[in-house]
Amino acid sequence: AEVDAREADGDAKDESVSYRWIRAIADATMHLYLQKALEIAALSQLGAAQLETDISYLGNVLVALGIQLDQGLSTASKYLKASPEDVQFLLKDCKDPSERRIGTAIEQMRGLGTT
């Protein structure tokens, strides 16, 4: 019984290390993905829809690994799928500086004007 307990404890430690490793890779991936997405100069309506689909797909993969999409990519997704009118409304009411930065960048990429 003692050997079984030690093996179970070793398995838990391995899972914990594995999860931390996967989490670190996921965090770095999300950070880089958002950084590169925000470097896009211009997006057509189809381009915005495709980028939002890609972010959604990444989110689904991460959820399968037990990791939630970070706030930055969630915000980007929200602004990418919003109508032009909704983007203006979201930015007008936005209080969070990080969300405003992402929303404004996507507004500009989509050629929706300035706030």
C-alpha atoms as a PDB file:
ATOM      1  CA  ALA A   1       0.000   0.000   0.000  1.00  0.00           C
ATOM      2  CA  GLU A   2       2.884   2.333   0.784  1.00  0.00           C
ATOM      3  CA  VAL A   3       4.404   1.745  -2.661  1.00  0.00           C
ATOM      4  CA  ASP A   4       1.034   2.503  -4.290  1.00  0.00           C
ATOM      5  CA  ALA A   5       0.794   5.790  -2.364  1.00  0.00           C
ATOM      6  CA  ARG A   6       4.287   6.800  -3.458  1.00  0.00           C
ATOM      7  CA  GLU A   7       3.503   5.947  -7.081  1.00  0.00           C
ATOM      8  CA  ALA A   8       0.278   7.959  -6.927  1.00  0.00           C
ATOM      9  CA  ASP A   9       2.173  10.881  -5.400  1.00  0.00           C
ATOM     10  CA  GLY A  10       4.790  10.630  -8.161  1.00  0.00           C
ATOM     11  CA  ASP A  11       2.056  10.578 -10.802  1.00  0.00           C
ATOM     12  CA  ALA A  12       0.466  13.693  -9.268  1.00  0.00           C
ATOM     13  CA  LYS A  13       3.816  15.487  -9.318  1.00  0.00           C
ATOM     14  CA  ASP A  14       4.373  14.472 -12.941  1.00  0.00           C
ATOM     15  CA  GLU A  15       0.905  15.769 -13.872  1.00  0.00           C
ATOM     16  CA  SER A  16       1.537  18.996 -12.007  1.00  0.00           C
ATOM     17  CA  VAL A  17       4.857  19.544 -13.787  1.00  0.00           C
ATOM     18  CA  SER A  18       3.265  18.612 -17.107  1.00  0.00           C
ATOM     19  CA  TYR A  19       0.361  20.977 -16.552  1.00  0.00           C
ATOM     20  CA  ARG A  20       2.695  23.833 -15.578  1.00  0.00           C
ATOM     21  CA  TRP A  21       4.761  23.183 -18.705  1.00  0.00           C
ATOM     22  CA  ILE A  22       1.664  23.127 -20.941  1.00  0.00           C
ATOM     23  CA  ARG A  23       0.330  26.236 -19.173  1.00  0.00           C
ATOM     24  CA  ALA A  24       3.609  28.096 -19.773  1.00  0.00           C
ATOM     25  CA  ILE A  25       3.554  27.192 -23.466  1.00  0.00           C
ATOM     26  CA  ALA A  26      -0.118  28.181 -23.741  1.00  0.00           C
ATOM     27  CA  ASP A  27       0.495  31.534 -22.044  1.00  0.00           C
ATOM     28  CA  ALA A  28       3.439  32.296 -24.318  1.00  0.00           C
ATOM     29  CA  THR A  29       1.421  31.228 -27.371  1.00  0.00           C
ATOM     30  CA  MET A  30      -1.512  33.459 -26.441  1.00  0.00           C
ATOM     31  CA  HIS A  31       0.777  36.424 -25.761  1.00  0.00           C
ATOM     32  CA  LEU A  32       2.626  36.038 -29.075  1.00  0.00           C
ATOM     33  CA  TYR A  33      -0.598  35.392 -31.007  1.00  0.00           C
ATOM     34  CA  LEU A  34      -2.153  38.620 -29.733  1.00  0.00           C
ATOM     35  CA  GLN A  35       1.063  40.571 -30.303  1.00  0.00           C
ATOM     36  CA  LYS A  36       1.304  39.397 -33.923  1.00  0.00           C
ATOM     37  CA  ALA A  37      -2.427  39.860 -34.564  1.00  0.00           C
ATOM     38  CA  LEU A  38      -2.209  43.469 -33.402  1.00  0.00           C
ATOM     39  CA  GLU A  39       0.622  44.065 -35.898  1.00  0.00           C
ATOM     40  CA  ILE A  40      -1.752  43.448 -38.828  1.00  0.00           C
ATOM     41  CA  ALA A  41      -2.074  46.711 -40.733  1.00  0.00           C
ATOM     42  CA  ALA A  42      -5.490  46.191 -42.294  1.00  0.00           C
ATOM     43  CA  LEU A  43      -8.261  43.615 -42.168  1.00  0.00           C
ATOM     44  CA  SER A  44     -11.167  43.165 -44.544  1.00  0.00           C
ATOM     45  CA  GLN A  45     -14.482  41.963 -43.167  1.00  0.00           C
ATOM     46  CA  LEU A  46     -13.557  38.421 -44.251  1.00  0.00           C
ATOM     47  CA  GLY A  47     -10.105  38.790 -42.728  1.00  0.00           C
ATOM     48  CA  ALA A  48     -11.588  39.888 -39.414  1.00  0.00           C
ATOM     49  CA  ALA A  49     -13.986  36.932 -39.476  1.00  0.00           C
ATOM     50  CA  GLN A  50     -11.125  34.527 -40.230  1.00  0.00           C
ATOM     51  CA  LEU A  51      -8.937  35.914 -37.450  1.00  0.00           C
ATOM     52  CA  GLU A  52     -11.824  35.621 -34.992  1.00  0.00           C
ATOM     53  CA  THR A  53     -12.398  32.022 -36.131  1.00  0.00           C
ATOM     54  CA  ASP A  54      -8.709  31.257 -35.627  1.00  0.00           C
ATOM     55  CA  ILE A  55      -8.761  32.735 -32.110  1.00  0.00           C
ATOM     56  CA  SER A  56     -11.895  30.723 -31.332  1.00  0.00           C
ATOM     57  CA  TYR A  57     -10.195  27.552 -32.568  1.00  0.00           C
ATOM     58  CA  LEU A  58      -7.157  28.239 -30.383  1.00  0.00           C
ATOM     59  CA  GLY A  59      -9.524  28.771 -27.461  1.00  0.00           C
ATOM     60  CA  ASN A  60     -11.177  25.399 -28.105  1.00  0.00           C
ATOM     61  CA  VAL A  61      -7.811  23.645 -28.172  1.00  0.00           C
ATOM     62  CA  LEU A  62      -6.787  25.345 -24.923  1.00  0.00           C
ATOM     63  CA  VAL A  63     -10.068  24.453 -23.210  1.00  0.00           C
ATOM     64  CA  ALA A  64      -9.422  20.812 -24.127  1.00  0.00           C
ATOM     65  CA  LEU A  65      -6.133  21.180 -22.236  1.00  0.00           C
ATOM     66  CA  GLY A  66      -7.895  22.735 -19.239  1.00  0.00           C
ATOM     67  CA  ILE A  67      -6.750  26.294 -20.005  1.00  0.00           C
ATOM     68  CA  GLN A  68      -8.965  29.302 -20.641  1.00  0.00           C
ATOM     69  CA  LEU A  69      -8.282  31.815 -23.395  1.00  0.00           C
ATOM     70  CA  ASP A  70      -6.626  34.865 -21.853  1.00  0.00           C
ATOM     71  CA  GLN A  71      -8.374  38.210 -21.517  1.00  0.00           C
ATOM     72  CA  GLY A  72      -6.439  39.852 -24.340  1.00  0.00           C
ATOM     73  CA  LEU A  73      -7.448  37.277 -26.954  1.00  0.00           C
ATOM     74  CA  SER A  74     -11.005  37.192 -25.606  1.00  0.00           C
ATOM     75  CA  THR A  75     -11.156  40.958 -26.036  1.00  0.00           C
ATOM     76  CA  ALA A  76      -9.710  40.744 -29.553  1.00  0.00           C
ATOM     77  CA  SER A  77     -12.307  38.135 -30.463  1.00  0.00           C
ATOM     78  CA  LYS A  78     -15.102  40.341 -29.130  1.00  0.00           C
ATOM     79  CA  TYR A  79     -13.986  43.331 -31.228  1.00  0.00           C
ATOM     80  CA  LEU A  80     -13.335  41.228 -34.332  1.00  0.00           C
ATOM     81  CA  LYS A  81     -16.846  39.791 -34.401  1.00  0.00           C
ATOM     82  CA  ALA A  82     -18.619  43.003 -33.371  1.00  0.00           C
ATOM     83  CA  SER A  83     -20.457  45.033 -35.987  1.00  0.00           C
ATOM     84  CA  PRO A  84     -18.901  48.435 -36.824  1.00  0.00           C
ATOM     85  CA  GLU A  85     -21.600  50.120 -34.742  1.00  0.00           C
ATOM     86  CA  ASP A  86     -20.980  47.788 -31.812  1.00  0.00           C
ATOM     87  CA  VAL A  87     -17.232  48.466 -31.963  1.00  0.00           C
ATOM     88  CA  GLN A  88     -17.953  52.182 -31.581  1.00  0.00           C
ATOM     89  CA  PHE A  89     -20.336  51.478 -28.685  1.00  0.00           C
ATOM     90  CA  LEU A  90     -17.881  49.119 -26.955  1.00  0.00           C
ATOM     91  CA  LEU A  91     -15.052  51.635 -27.196  1.00  0.00           C
ATOM     92  CA  LYS A  92     -17.233  54.509 -26.023  1.00  0.00           C
ATOM     93  CA  ASP A  93     -18.136  52.634 -22.835  1.00  0.00           C
ATOM     94  CA  CYS A  94     -14.730  50.994 -22.301  1.00  0.00           C
ATOM     95  CA  LYS A  95     -12.988  51.833 -19.024  1.00  0.00           C
ATOM     96  CA  ASP A  96     -10.225  49.198 -19.080  1.00  0.00           C
ATOM     97  CA  PRO A  97      -6.992  50.559 -20.671  1.00  0.00           C
ATOM     98  CA  SER A  98      -5.911  47.159 -22.001  1.00  0.00           C
ATOM     99  CA  GLU A  99      -9.293  46.527 -23.617  1.00  0.00           C
ATOM    100  CA  ARG A 100      -9.299  50.044 -25.078  1.00  0.00           C
ATOM    101  CA  ARG A 101      -5.820  49.495 -26.588  1.00  0.00           C
ATOM    102  CA  ILE A 102      -6.865  46.204 -28.203  1.00  0.00           C
ATOM    103  CA  GLY A 103     -10.266  47.509 -29.306  1.00  0.00           C
ATOM    104  CA  THR A 104      -8.787  50.659 -30.825  1.00  0.00           C
ATOM    105  CA  ALA A 105      -6.139  48.651 -32.683  1.00  0.00           C
ATOM    106  CA  ILE A 106      -8.803  46.363 -34.143  1.00  0.00           C
ATOM    107  CA  GLU A 107     -11.009  49.336 -34.984  1.00  0.00           C
ATOM    108  CA  GLN A 108      -8.115  50.814 -36.961  1.00  0.00           C
ATOM    109  CA  MET A 109      -7.262  47.490 -38.636  1.00  0.00           C
ATOM    110  CA  ARG A 110     -10.846  47.142 -39.770  1.00  0.00           C
ATOM    111  CA  GLY A 111     -10.868  50.730 -41.059  1.00  0.00           C
ATOM    112  CA  LEU A 112     -13.815  51.694 -38.875  1.00  0.00           C
ATOM    113  CA  GLY A 113     -12.702  55.224 -38.051  1.00  0.00           C
ATOM    114  CA  THR A 114     -11.414  56.750 -34.875  1.00  0.00           C
ATOM    115  CA  THR A 115     -12.940  57.258 -31.469  1.00  0.00           C
END
